Amino acid sequence: MVPVISVFNNKGGVGKTTYLFHVAHLLAKKGKRILMVDLDSQCNLSSYCLKDEQLSEAWEETGNSMYRVVEPIYRGLGDFRELAPMQFNTQYPTLFLAPGDIALSNFEDRLGDSWNAARGGSEPDIRVQSAIHRYIRWASKNVNADAVFVDLGPNLGALNRAVLGSSDYFIVPMSPDLFSIRGTENLGNKMLNWNDGWVQCQEAWKARGTVDIDIPKGAPKFLGYVKQQHNIRNNQKGMTLGWQIFGNRVDGAIRENVVEKLQPRGQVFEWDGKDLNWHLGDIPNLHSLVPYSLEAKKPVFDCTGRDKLRGAHITKARKSASHYKGIIERLMHVI
């Protein structure tokens, strides 16, 4: 089975989209076939990958956005549409995108309204809840993916319940502030609550169902967390002041609120080796390089003078891929 990995934090502004974008490109450089699915209604990942006219085309009635995928289910007219993901960068022929859509918020309402009935075994409502899961499995086969990475919005709503329930693993990017720590407080408990609901869906359908529906297991494993927004300095481990203040608190919050909650259910990936834990790595603050990357629709490490970089910025951009090396090595264990 192709692993589905969601990148998620209940708090926004932690760099999850930038992280996912760069990791996906680096894995593609290693020859992996990677499908990215944008399920954040803000569509930041899609905006990173596509020009405005390409995104507009994806949103049209004949487009292939994630809303167009689930639109028949949202409107009660049928099952999900088998719309193929797109290639968007000729330099990365093994990288694919299922574009996001601001209209996904409409489908989220449908997911919220149908949850209780799905847990009772209602076939139409189970089809609603499992639609994204079933599409991702179809799309991964369509592009012959080695892995799927999903970008999620910063909330604990019905859409994220459906997507995380459909995932095999999830990664939590963390930024150096109190709000990021606070965002972990109800994450573990919420994941357990959602898992209970998905088990109810499965059991109810076993008792009542007459056809085979691929229902999510609802038990994604926590792969680990990434510390974002480090500065490259010669002080304590190159940390910004924020990480000097909050670094230890982040480690403790993750262990208490996520690992210790999910471990008894087997929803934590157990890394082998004494030196491997759930801290997957550190990503530095690349400051002014990210806007150039966004404008060029390419990773920072691919940006050059042609993308208006000058002097030391070119060297810094080229070397930025090295910051992801340890994270990529860890991910290769599950891909």
C-alpha atoms as a PDB file:
ATOM      1  CA  MET A   1       0.000   0.000   0.000  1.00  0.00           C
ATOM      2  CA  VAL A   2       1.274   3.474  -0.908  1.00  0.00           C
ATOM      3  CA  PRO A   3       1.921   5.457   2.314  1.00  0.00           C
ATOM      4  CA  VAL A   4      -0.188   8.586   2.806  1.00  0.00           C
ATOM      5  CA  ILE A   5       1.579  11.191   4.966  1.00  0.00           C
ATOM      6  CA  SER A   6      -0.270  14.272   6.201  1.00  0.00           C
ATOM      7  CA  VAL A   7       1.562  17.408   7.315  1.00  0.00           C
ATOM      8  CA  PHE A   8      -0.502  19.050  10.014  1.00  0.00           C
ATOM      9  CA  ASN A   9      -0.515  21.445  12.934  1.00  0.00           C
ATOM     10  CA  ASN A  10      -3.537  22.869  14.715  1.00  0.00           C
ATOM     11  CA  LYS A  11      -1.732  26.235  14.687  1.00  0.00           C
ATOM     12  CA  GLY A  12      -1.160  28.162  11.470  1.00  0.00           C
ATOM     13  CA  GLY A  13       2.001  29.912  10.330  1.00  0.00           C
ATOM     14  CA  VAL A  14       4.385  27.075  11.197  1.00  0.00           C
ATOM     15  CA  GLY A  15       5.726  26.600   7.662  1.00  0.00           C
ATOM     16  CA  LYS A  16       3.988  23.308   6.914  1.00  0.00           C
ATOM     17  CA  THR A  17       3.365  24.072   3.227  1.00  0.00           C
ATOM     18  CA  THR A  18       6.941  25.215   2.601  1.00  0.00           C
ATOM     19  CA  TYR A  19       8.191  22.089   4.381  1.00  0.00           C
ATOM     20  CA  LEU A  20       5.973  19.733   2.370  1.00  0.00           C
ATOM     21  CA  PHE A  21       6.852  21.437  -0.932  1.00  0.00           C
ATOM     22  CA  HIS A  22      10.597  21.094  -0.400  1.00  0.00           C
ATOM     23  CA  VAL A  23      10.485  17.559   0.988  1.00  0.00           C
ATOM     24  CA  ALA A  24       8.380  16.378  -1.954  1.00  0.00           C
ATOM     25  CA  HIS A  25      10.843  17.868  -4.452  1.00  0.00           C
ATOM     26  CA  LEU A  26      13.841  16.311  -2.706  1.00  0.00           C
ATOM     27  CA  LEU A  27      12.202  12.885  -2.686  1.00  0.00           C
ATOM     28  CA  ALA A  28      11.424  13.316  -6.383  1.00  0.00           C
ATOM     29  CA  LYS A  29      15.112  14.125  -6.937  1.00  0.00           C
ATOM     30  CA  LYS A  30      15.843  10.720  -5.424  1.00  0.00           C
ATOM     31  CA  GLY A  31      13.655   9.114  -8.073  1.00  0.00           C
ATOM     32  CA  LYS A  32      10.534   8.682  -5.968  1.00  0.00           C
ATOM     33  CA  ARG A  33       7.147   9.254  -7.562  1.00  0.00           C
ATOM     34  CA  ILE A  34       5.390  11.681  -5.233  1.00  0.00           C
ATOM     35  CA  LEU A  35       1.763  12.817  -5.238  1.00  0.00           C
ATOM     36  CA  MET A  36       0.957  16.016  -3.352  1.00  0.00           C
ATOM     37  CA  VAL A  37      -2.684  16.603  -2.397  1.00  0.00           C
ATOM     38  CA  ASP A  38      -3.766  20.097  -1.364  1.00  0.00           C
ATOM     39  CA  LEU A  39      -6.608  19.800   1.142  1.00  0.00           C
ATOM     40  CA  ASP A  40      -6.118  23.164   2.807  1.00  0.00           C
ATOM     41  CA  SER A  41      -8.884  25.446   1.520  1.00  0.00           C
ATOM     42  CA  GLN A  42      -6.379  28.333   1.579  1.00  0.00           C
ATOM     43  CA  CYS A  43      -4.648  26.565  -1.344  1.00  0.00           C
ATOM     44  CA  ASN A  44      -1.141  27.719  -0.426  1.00  0.00           C
ATOM     45  CA  LEU A  45       0.466  24.549  -1.784  1.00  0.00           C
ATOM     46  CA  SER A  46      -1.344  24.900  -5.100  1.00  0.00           C
ATOM     47  CA  SER A  47      -0.340  28.568  -5.301  1.00  0.00           C
ATOM     48  CA  TYR A  48       3.268  27.529  -4.664  1.00  0.00           C
ATOM     49  CA  CYS A  49       3.168  25.043  -7.549  1.00  0.00           C
ATOM     50  CA  LEU A  50       0.925  26.672 -10.148  1.00  0.00           C
ATOM     51  CA  LYS A  51       0.622  29.936 -12.004  1.00  0.00           C
ATOM     52  CA  ASP A  52      -2.612  31.855 -11.455  1.00  0.00           C
ATOM     53  CA  GLU A  53      -4.054  30.828 -14.817  1.00  0.00           C
ATOM     54  CA  GLN A  54      -3.327  27.153 -14.103  1.00  0.00           C
ATOM     55  CA  LEU A  55      -5.053  27.375 -10.745  1.00  0.00           C
ATOM     56  CA  SER A  56      -8.048  29.120 -12.309  1.00  0.00           C
ATOM     57  CA  GLU A  57      -8.336  26.304 -14.850  1.00  0.00           C
ATOM     58  CA  ALA A  58      -8.273  23.723 -12.054  1.00  0.00           C
ATOM     59  CA  TRP A  59     -11.190  25.518 -10.380  1.00  0.00           C
ATOM     60  CA  GLU A  60     -13.367  25.611 -13.503  1.00  0.00           C
ATOM     61  CA  GLU A  61     -16.248  23.156 -13.983  1.00  0.00           C
ATOM     62  CA  THR A  62     -14.021  21.033 -16.198  1.00  0.00           C
ATOM     63  CA  GLY A  63     -11.026  21.366 -13.852  1.00  0.00           C
ATOM     64  CA  ASN A  64      -9.338  18.799 -11.626  1.00  0.00           C
ATOM     65  CA  SER A  65      -9.333  20.550  -8.238  1.00  0.00           C
ATOM     66  CA  MET A  66     -10.144  18.589  -5.110  1.00  0.00           C
ATOM     67  CA  TYR A  67     -13.531  20.284  -4.945  1.00  0.00           C
ATOM     68  CA  ARG A  68     -14.324  19.105  -8.474  1.00  0.00           C
ATOM     69  CA  VAL A  69     -13.330  15.608  -7.316  1.00  0.00           C
ATOM     70  CA  VAL A  70     -15.883  15.543  -4.485  1.00  0.00           C
ATOM     71  CA  GLU A  71     -18.502  17.831  -6.059  1.00  0.00           C
ATOM     72  CA  PRO A  72     -20.885  15.013  -7.117  1.00  0.00           C
ATOM     73  CA  ILE A  73     -20.950  13.709  -3.550  1.00  0.00           C
ATOM     74  CA  TYR A  74     -21.405  17.206  -2.134  1.00  0.00           C
ATOM     75  CA  ARG A  75     -24.348  17.799  -4.475  1.00  0.00           C
ATOM     76  CA  GLY A  76     -25.808  14.319  -3.955  1.00  0.00           C
ATOM     77  CA  LEU A  77     -25.377  13.384  -7.623  1.00  0.00           C
ATOM     78  CA  GLY A  78     -22.982  10.450  -7.422  1.00  0.00           C
ATOM     79  CA  ASP A  79     -19.581   9.289  -6.228  1.00  0.00           C
ATOM     80  CA  PHE A  80     -16.230  11.083  -6.489  1.00  0.00           C
ATOM     81  CA  ARG A  81     -14.846  11.949  -9.912  1.00  0.00           C
ATOM     82  CA  GLU A  82     -11.711  10.155 -11.094  1.00  0.00           C
ATOM     83  CA  LEU A  83      -9.800  13.314 -12.035  1.00  0.00           C
ATOM     84  CA  ALA A  84      -6.109  12.741 -12.664  1.00  0.00           C
ATOM     85  CA  PRO A  85      -3.512  14.772 -10.740  1.00  0.00           C
ATOM     86  CA  MET A  86      -1.279  17.043 -12.804  1.00  0.00           C
ATOM     87  CA  GLN A  87       2.407  17.353 -13.523  1.00  0.00           C
ATOM     88  CA  PHE A  88       3.453  20.971 -13.106  1.00  0.00           C
ATOM     89  CA  ASN A  89       7.248  21.152 -13.426  1.00  0.00           C
ATOM     90  CA  THR A  90       9.088  19.566 -16.343  1.00  0.00           C
ATOM     91  CA  GLN A  91      12.241  19.412 -14.210  1.00  0.00           C
ATOM     92  CA  TYR A  92      10.394  17.047 -11.850  1.00  0.00           C
ATOM     93  CA  PRO A  93       8.502  14.548 -14.026  1.00  0.00           C
ATOM     94  CA  THR A  94       7.818  12.235 -11.054  1.00  0.00           C
ATOM     95  CA  LEU A  95       6.068  14.931  -9.004  1.00  0.00           C
ATOM     96  CA  PHE A  96       2.286  15.353  -9.187  1.00  0.00           C
ATOM     97  CA  LEU A  97      -0.336  17.653  -7.647  1.00  0.00           C
ATOM     98  CA  ALA A  98      -4.037  17.289  -6.916  1.00  0.00           C
ATOM     99  CA  PRO A  99      -4.870  21.022  -6.666  1.00  0.00           C
ATOM    100  CA  GLY A 100      -6.748  22.556  -3.785  1.00  0.00           C
ATOM    101  CA  ASP A 101      -9.881  24.683  -4.023  1.00  0.00           C
ATOM    102  CA  ILE A 102     -11.355  27.354  -1.781  1.00  0.00           C
ATOM    103  CA  ALA A 103     -14.761  25.715  -2.362  1.00  0.00           C
ATOM    104  CA  LEU A 104     -13.650  22.718  -0.259  1.00  0.00           C
ATOM    105  CA  SER A 105     -15.118  24.549   2.727  1.00  0.00           C
ATOM    106  CA  ASN A 106     -18.545  23.669   1.285  1.00  0.00           C
ATOM    107  CA  PHE A 107     -17.706  19.973   1.336  1.00  0.00           C
ATOM    108  CA  GLU A 108     -16.481  20.305   4.906  1.00  0.00           C
ATOM    109  CA  ASP A 109     -20.012  21.273   5.934  1.00  0.00           C
ATOM    110  CA  ARG A 110     -21.290  18.094   4.290  1.00  0.00           C
ATOM    111  CA  LEU A 111     -18.695  16.049   6.165  1.00  0.00           C
ATOM    112  CA  GLY A 112     -19.767  17.587   9.456  1.00  0.00           C
ATOM    113  CA  ASP A 113     -23.458  16.974   8.829  1.00  0.00           C
ATOM    114  CA  SER A 114     -23.030  13.316   7.824  1.00  0.00           C
ATOM    115  CA  TRP A 115     -20.623  12.093  10.534  1.00  0.00           C
ATOM    116  CA  ASN A 116     -23.178  10.796  13.034  1.00  0.00           C
ATOM    117  CA  ALA A 117     -25.199   8.979  10.388  1.00  0.00           C
ATOM    118  CA  ALA A 118     -22.021   7.404   8.993  1.00  0.00           C
ATOM    119  CA  ARG A 119     -21.184   6.039  12.437  1.00  0.00           C
ATOM    120  CA  GLY A 120     -24.634   4.461  12.401  1.00  0.00           C
ATOM    121  CA  GLY A 121     -23.912   2.652   9.145  1.00  0.00           C
ATOM    122  CA  SER A 122     -25.734   4.856   6.613  1.00  0.00           C
ATOM    123  CA  GLU A 123     -24.317   3.979   3.188  1.00  0.00           C
ATOM    124  CA  PRO A 124     -24.688   7.445   1.579  1.00  0.00           C
ATOM    125  CA  ASP A 125     -23.008   9.066   4.564  1.00  0.00           C
ATOM    126  CA  ILE A 126     -20.207   6.504   4.720  1.00  0.00           C
ATOM    127  CA  ARG A 127     -19.556   7.247   1.057  1.00  0.00           C
ATOM    128  CA  VAL A 128     -19.315  10.948   1.920  1.00  0.00           C
ATOM    129  CA  GLN A 129     -16.872  10.340   4.775  1.00  0.00           C
ATOM    130  CA  SER A 130     -14.686   7.965   2.758  1.00  0.00           C
ATOM    131  CA  ALA A 131     -14.698   9.924  -0.522  1.00  0.00           C
ATOM    132  CA  ILE A 132     -11.338  11.650  -0.067  1.00  0.00           C
ATOM    133  CA  HIS A 133      -9.750   8.438   1.178  1.00  0.00           C
ATOM    134  CA  ARG A 134     -10.988   6.516  -1.837  1.00  0.00           C
ATOM    135  CA  TYR A 135      -9.903   9.244  -4.248  1.00  0.00           C
ATOM    136  CA  ILE A 136      -6.382   9.425  -2.803  1.00  0.00           C
ATOM    137  CA  ARG A 137      -6.018   5.657  -3.179  1.00  0.00           C
ATOM    138  CA  TRP A 138      -7.264   5.877  -6.772  1.00  0.00           C
ATOM    139  CA  ALA A 139      -5.035   8.860  -7.625  1.00  0.00           C
ATOM    140  CA  SER A 140      -1.925   7.243  -6.143  1.00  0.00           C
ATOM    141  CA  LYS A 141      -2.467   4.264  -8.444  1.00  0.00           C
ATOM    142  CA  ASN A 142      -3.174   6.576 -11.385  1.00  0.00           C
ATOM    143  CA  VAL A 143       0.275   8.192 -11.125  1.00  0.00           C
ATOM    144  CA  ASN A 144       2.006   5.067  -9.770  1.00  0.00           C
ATOM    145  CA  ALA A 145       3.065   7.011  -6.671  1.00  0.00           C
ATOM    146  CA  ASP A 146       5.614   5.803  -4.143  1.00  0.00           C
ATOM    147  CA  ALA A 147       4.143   8.135  -1.504  1.00  0.00           C
ATOM    148  CA  VAL A 148       1.395  10.710  -1.028  1.00  0.00           C
ATOM    149  CA  PHE A 149       1.884  13.936   0.943  1.00  0.00           C
ATOM    150  CA  VAL A 150      -1.201  15.855   2.045  1.00  0.00           C
ATOM    151  CA  ASP A 151      -1.292  19.510   3.077  1.00  0.00           C
ATOM    152  CA  LEU A 152      -3.973  20.288   5.673  1.00  0.00           C
ATOM    153  CA  GLY A 153      -5.427  23.459   7.122  1.00  0.00           C
ATOM    154  CA  PRO A 154      -4.679  24.512  10.730  1.00  0.00           C
ATOM    155  CA  ASN A 155      -7.818  23.256  12.466  1.00  0.00           C
ATOM    156  CA  LEU A 156      -9.482  20.200  13.944  1.00  0.00           C
ATOM    157  CA  GLY A 157     -12.552  20.305  11.718  1.00  0.00           C
ATOM    158  CA  ALA A 158     -14.482  17.694   9.770  1.00  0.00           C
ATOM    159  CA  LEU A 159     -12.292  17.867   6.656  1.00  0.00           C
ATOM    160  CA  ASN A 160      -9.121  17.183   8.616  1.00  0.00           C
ATOM    161  CA  ARG A 161     -10.877  14.370  10.458  1.00  0.00           C
ATOM    162  CA  ALA A 162     -11.608  12.734   7.107  1.00  0.00           C
ATOM    163  CA  VAL A 163      -8.100  13.294   5.748  1.00  0.00           C
ATOM    164  CA  LEU A 164      -6.127  12.316   8.848  1.00  0.00           C
ATOM    165  CA  GLY A 165      -8.364   9.269   9.152  1.00  0.00           C
ATOM    166  CA  SER A 166      -7.307   8.367   5.624  1.00  0.00           C
ATOM    167  CA  SER A 167      -3.601   8.834   6.348  1.00  0.00           C
ATOM    168  CA  ASP A 168      -1.045   6.236   7.344  1.00  0.00           C
ATOM    169  CA  TYR A 169       1.234   8.774   9.053  1.00  0.00           C
ATOM    170  CA  PHE A 170       1.311  12.414  10.076  1.00  0.00           C
ATOM    171  CA  ILE A 171       4.074  14.944  10.737  1.00  0.00           C
ATOM    172  CA  VAL A 172       3.724  18.044  12.922  1.00  0.00           C
ATOM    173  CA  PRO A 173       5.825  21.126  12.059  1.00  0.00           C
ATOM    174  CA  MET A 174       6.446  23.297  15.135  1.00  0.00           C
ATOM    175  CA  SER A 175       7.394  26.965  15.426  1.00  0.00           C
ATOM    176  CA  PRO A 176       9.063  28.572  18.488  1.00  0.00           C
ATOM    177  CA  ASP A 177       6.095  30.107  20.268  1.00  0.00           C
ATOM    178  CA  LEU A 178       3.527  29.439  22.946  1.00  0.00           C
ATOM    179  CA  PHE A 179       0.689  29.077  20.429  1.00  0.00           C
ATOM    180  CA  SER A 180       2.406  26.217  18.616  1.00  0.00           C
ATOM    181  CA  ILE A 181       2.829  24.413  21.930  1.00  0.00           C
ATOM    182  CA  ARG A 182      -0.782  25.120  22.858  1.00  0.00           C
ATOM    183  CA  GLY A 183      -1.840  23.658  19.525  1.00  0.00           C
ATOM    184  CA  THR A 184      -0.604  20.220  20.611  1.00  0.00           C
ATOM    185  CA  GLU A 185      -2.672  20.135  23.810  1.00  0.00           C
ATOM    186  CA  ASN A 186      -5.830  18.593  22.380  1.00  0.00           C
ATOM    187  CA  LEU A 187      -4.275  16.910  19.346  1.00  0.00           C
ATOM    188  CA  GLY A 188      -3.680  13.488  20.891  1.00  0.00           C
ATOM    189  CA  ASN A 189      -7.096  13.317  22.539  1.00  0.00           C
ATOM    190  CA  LYS A 190      -8.811  14.465  19.357  1.00  0.00           C
ATOM    191  CA  MET A 191      -7.041  11.790  17.325  1.00  0.00           C
ATOM    192  CA  LEU A 192      -8.222   9.134  19.787  1.00  0.00           C
ATOM    193  CA  ASN A 193     -11.782  10.441  19.609  1.00  0.00           C
ATOM    194  CA  TRP A 194     -11.699  10.367  15.823  1.00  0.00           C
ATOM    195  CA  ASN A 195     -10.293   6.845  15.836  1.00  0.00           C
ATOM    196  CA  ASP A 196     -13.230   5.717  17.972  1.00  0.00           C
ATOM    197  CA  GLY A 197     -15.600   7.232  15.422  1.00  0.00           C
ATOM    198  CA  TRP A 198     -13.937   5.509  12.484  1.00  0.00           C
ATOM    199  CA  VAL A 199     -14.091   2.173  14.308  1.00  0.00           C
ATOM    200  CA  GLN A 200     -17.827   2.761  14.763  1.00  0.00           C
ATOM    201  CA  CYS A 201     -18.177   3.395  11.025  1.00  0.00           C
ATOM    202  CA  GLN A 202     -16.362   0.166  10.213  1.00  0.00           C
ATOM    203  CA  GLU A 203     -18.319  -1.951  12.685  1.00  0.00           C
ATOM    204  CA  ALA A 204     -21.672  -0.478  11.673  1.00  0.00           C
ATOM    205  CA  TRP A 205     -20.944  -1.126   8.006  1.00  0.00           C
ATOM    206  CA  LYS A 206     -19.848  -4.699   8.705  1.00  0.00           C
ATOM    207  CA  ALA A 207     -23.186  -5.298  10.405  1.00  0.00           C
ATOM    208  CA  ARG A 208     -25.365  -3.530   7.836  1.00  0.00           C
ATOM    209  CA  GLY A 209     -23.428  -3.156   4.609  1.00  0.00           C
ATOM    210  CA  THR A 210     -24.297  -5.070   1.475  1.00  0.00           C
ATOM    211  CA  VAL A 211     -21.432  -3.830  -0.737  1.00  0.00           C
ATOM    212  CA  ASP A 212     -17.719  -3.347  -0.189  1.00  0.00           C
ATOM    213  CA  ILE A 213     -16.677   0.243   0.644  1.00  0.00           C
ATOM    214  CA  ASP A 214     -13.064   1.140   1.409  1.00  0.00           C
ATOM    215  CA  ILE A 215     -13.513   2.879   4.778  1.00  0.00           C
ATOM    216  CA  PRO A 216     -10.522   4.660   6.368  1.00  0.00           C
ATOM    217  CA  LYS A 217      -8.927   2.945   9.341  1.00  0.00           C
ATOM    218  CA  GLY A 218      -8.743   6.264  11.159  1.00  0.00           C
ATOM    219  CA  ALA A 219      -5.493   5.379  12.933  1.00  0.00           C
ATOM    220  CA  PRO A 220      -2.606   7.392  11.435  1.00  0.00           C
ATOM    221  CA  LYS A 221       0.764   6.959  13.128  1.00  0.00           C
ATOM    222  CA  PHE A 222       2.673   9.960  14.435  1.00  0.00           C
ATOM    223  CA  LEU A 223       5.985  10.009  12.562  1.00  0.00           C
ATOM    224  CA  GLY A 224       7.445  12.968  14.408  1.00  0.00           C
ATOM    225  CA  TYR A 225       7.803  16.728  14.456  1.00  0.00           C
ATOM    226  CA  VAL A 226      10.015  19.259  12.719  1.00  0.00           C
ATOM    227  CA  LYS A 227      11.354  22.409  14.344  1.00  0.00           C
ATOM    228  CA  GLN A 228      10.877  25.282  11.924  1.00  0.00           C
ATOM    229  CA  GLN A 229      12.357  28.791  11.822  1.00  0.00           C
ATOM    230  CA  HIS A 230      15.825  28.142  13.217  1.00  0.00           C
ATOM    231  CA  ASN A 231      18.456  30.714  12.339  1.00  0.00           C
ATOM    232  CA  ILE A 232      21.925  29.662  11.206  1.00  0.00           C
ATOM    233  CA  ARG A 233      23.981  31.180  13.996  1.00  0.00           C
ATOM    234  CA  ASN A 234      26.874  30.239  16.214  1.00  0.00           C
ATOM    235  CA  ASN A 235      24.913  30.487  19.444  1.00  0.00           C
ATOM    236  CA  GLN A 236      23.162  27.625  21.217  1.00  0.00           C
ATOM    237  CA  LYS A 237      22.714  25.057  18.418  1.00  0.00           C
ATOM    238  CA  GLY A 238      22.047  27.876  15.970  1.00  0.00           C
ATOM    239  CA  MET A 239      18.704  28.602  17.586  1.00  0.00           C
ATOM    240  CA  THR A 240      16.692  31.756  17.392  1.00  0.00           C
ATOM    241  CA  LEU A 241      15.824  33.311  20.734  1.00  0.00           C
ATOM    242  CA  GLY A 242      12.367  31.758  20.407  1.00  0.00           C
ATOM    243  CA  TRP A 243      13.812  28.255  20.236  1.00  0.00           C
ATOM    244  CA  GLN A 244      16.143  28.938  23.164  1.00  0.00           C
ATOM    245  CA  ILE A 245      13.076  29.846  25.213  1.00  0.00           C
ATOM    246  CA  PHE A 246      10.549  27.300  23.954  1.00  0.00           C
ATOM    247  CA  GLY A 247      12.694  24.437  22.626  1.00  0.00           C
ATOM    248  CA  ASN A 248      12.525  22.176  25.665  1.00  0.00           C
ATOM    249  CA  ARG A 249       8.856  22.966  26.156  1.00  0.00           C
ATOM    250  CA  VAL A 250       8.106  21.845  22.605  1.00  0.00           C
ATOM    251  CA  ASP A 251       9.840  18.506  23.165  1.00  0.00           C
ATOM    252  CA  GLY A 252       7.884  17.957  26.376  1.00  0.00           C
ATOM    253  CA  ALA A 253       4.564  19.032  24.884  1.00  0.00           C
ATOM    254  CA  ILE A 254       4.917  16.648  21.953  1.00  0.00           C
ATOM    255  CA  ARG A 255       5.750  13.739  24.226  1.00  0.00           C
ATOM    256  CA  GLU A 256       2.972  14.460  26.732  1.00  0.00           C
ATOM    257  CA  ASN A 257       0.191  15.542  24.367  1.00  0.00           C
ATOM    258  CA  VAL A 258       0.835  13.358  21.341  1.00  0.00           C
ATOM    259  CA  VAL A 259       3.225  10.447  21.939  1.00  0.00           C
ATOM    260  CA  GLU A 260       1.942   9.350  25.349  1.00  0.00           C
ATOM    261  CA  LYS A 261      -1.681   9.667  24.225  1.00  0.00           C
ATOM    262  CA  LEU A 262      -1.342   7.731  20.973  1.00  0.00           C
ATOM    263  CA  GLN A 263       1.312   5.157  21.869  1.00  0.00           C
ATOM    264  CA  PRO A 264      -1.082   2.797  23.719  1.00  0.00           C
ATOM    265  CA  ARG A 265      -3.193   2.574  20.548  1.00  0.00           C
ATOM    266  CA  GLY A 266      -0.193   1.823  18.356  1.00  0.00           C
ATOM    267  CA  GLN A 267      -0.537   5.198  16.628  1.00  0.00           C
ATOM    268  CA  VAL A 268       3.106   6.219  17.063  1.00  0.00           C
ATOM    269  CA  PHE A 269       5.856   5.108  14.703  1.00  0.00           C
ATOM    270  CA  GLU A 270       8.589   3.451  16.733  1.00  0.00           C
ATOM    271  CA  TRP A 271      11.951   4.460  15.308  1.00  0.00           C
ATOM    272  CA  ASP A 272      14.776   1.932  15.575  1.00  0.00           C
ATOM    273  CA  GLY A 273      18.059   2.906  17.189  1.00  0.00           C
ATOM    274  CA  LYS A 274      19.008   4.793  20.338  1.00  0.00           C
ATOM    275  CA  ASP A 275      19.547   8.095  18.548  1.00  0.00           C
ATOM    276  CA  LEU A 276      16.267   8.104  16.609  1.00  0.00           C
ATOM    277  CA  ASN A 277      13.294   9.732  18.279  1.00  0.00           C
ATOM    278  CA  TRP A 278      10.343  11.794  17.096  1.00  0.00           C
ATOM    279  CA  HIS A 279      12.345  14.963  16.487  1.00  0.00           C
ATOM    280  CA  LEU A 280      12.808  14.559  12.730  1.00  0.00           C
ATOM    281  CA  GLY A 281      14.996  17.598  12.196  1.00  0.00           C
ATOM    282  CA  ASP A 282      15.372  21.378  12.136  1.00  0.00           C
ATOM    283  CA  ILE A 283      14.579  23.705   9.246  1.00  0.00           C
ATOM    284  CA  PRO A 284      16.283  27.117   9.315  1.00  0.00           C
ATOM    285  CA  ASN A 285      14.593  30.414   8.664  1.00  0.00           C
ATOM    286  CA  LEU A 286      15.569  31.175   5.078  1.00  0.00           C
ATOM    287  CA  HIS A 287      14.443  34.792   5.468  1.00  0.00           C
ATOM    288  CA  SER A 288      14.191  36.596   2.120  1.00  0.00           C
ATOM    289  CA  LEU A 289      14.798  33.484  -0.010  1.00  0.00           C
ATOM    290  CA  VAL A 290      11.263  32.102   0.319  1.00  0.00           C
ATOM    291  CA  PRO A 291       9.563  34.960  -1.611  1.00  0.00           C
ATOM    292  CA  TYR A 292      11.912  34.284  -4.550  1.00  0.00           C
ATOM    293  CA  SER A 293      10.997  30.608  -4.331  1.00  0.00           C
ATOM    294  CA  LEU A 294       7.281  31.407  -4.302  1.00  0.00           C
ATOM    295  CA  GLU A 295       7.610  33.722  -7.277  1.00  0.00           C
ATOM    296  CA  ALA A 296       9.661  31.199  -9.271  1.00  0.00           C
ATOM    297  CA  LYS A 297       7.366  28.268  -8.372  1.00  0.00           C
ATOM    298  CA  LYS A 298      10.401  26.186  -7.470  1.00  0.00           C
ATOM    299  CA  PRO A 299      12.239  25.064  -4.298  1.00  0.00           C
ATOM    300  CA  VAL A 300      14.710  27.466  -2.721  1.00  0.00           C
ATOM    301  CA  PHE A 301      17.605  25.158  -3.593  1.00  0.00           C
ATOM    302  CA  ASP A 302      16.727  25.408  -7.310  1.00  0.00           C
ATOM    303  CA  CYS A 303      16.634  29.221  -7.371  1.00  0.00           C
ATOM    304  CA  THR A 304      19.480  30.991  -9.168  1.00  0.00           C
ATOM    305  CA  GLY A 305      20.432  34.344 -10.620  1.00  0.00           C
ATOM    306  CA  ARG A 306      17.736  33.829 -13.253  1.00  0.00           C
ATOM    307  CA  ASP A 307      15.248  34.089 -10.394  1.00  0.00           C
ATOM    308  CA  LYS A 308      16.756  37.450  -9.364  1.00  0.00           C
ATOM    309  CA  LEU A 309      18.964  36.086  -6.585  1.00  0.00           C
ATOM    310  CA  ARG A 310      22.224  37.945  -6.099  1.00  0.00           C
ATOM    311  CA  GLY A 311      25.575  37.333  -4.422  1.00  0.00           C
ATOM    312  CA  ALA A 312      25.518  35.366  -1.173  1.00  0.00           C
ATOM    313  CA  HIS A 313      21.835  34.547  -1.663  1.00  0.00           C
ATOM    314  CA  ILE A 314      22.725  32.240  -4.554  1.00  0.00           C
ATOM    315  CA  THR A 315      25.145  30.240  -2.411  1.00  0.00           C
ATOM    316  CA  LYS A 316      22.727  30.134   0.511  1.00  0.00           C
ATOM    317  CA  ALA A 317      19.911  28.926  -1.739  1.00  0.00           C
ATOM    318  CA  ARG A 318      22.050  26.193  -3.286  1.00  0.00           C
ATOM    319  CA  LYS A 319      23.107  24.914   0.139  1.00  0.00           C
ATOM    320  CA  SER A 320      19.582  24.960   1.601  1.00  0.00           C
ATOM    321  CA  ALA A 321      18.857  21.386   0.468  1.00  0.00           C
ATOM    322  CA  SER A 322      21.398  20.140   3.025  1.00  0.00           C
ATOM    323  CA  HIS A 323      19.111  21.273   5.854  1.00  0.00           C
ATOM    324  CA  TYR A 324      16.599  18.597   4.812  1.00  0.00           C
ATOM    325  CA  LYS A 325      19.097  15.744   4.499  1.00  0.00           C
ATOM    326  CA  GLY A 326      18.384  14.105   7.863  1.00  0.00           C
ATOM    327  CA  ILE A 327      14.630  14.452   7.432  1.00  0.00           C
ATOM    328  CA  ILE A 328      14.733  12.850   3.992  1.00  0.00           C
ATOM    329  CA  GLU A 329      16.783   9.945   5.352  1.00  0.00           C
ATOM    330  CA  ARG A 330      14.169   9.381   8.059  1.00  0.00           C
ATOM    331  CA  LEU A 331      11.280   9.503   5.584  1.00  0.00           C
ATOM    332  CA  MET A 332      12.956   6.936   3.355  1.00  0.00           C
ATOM    333  CA  HIS A 333      12.294   4.416   6.146  1.00  0.00           C
ATOM    334  CA  VAL A 334       8.552   4.538   5.435  1.00  0.00           C
ATOM    335  CA  ILE A 335       8.515   5.197   1.676  1.00  0.00           C
END
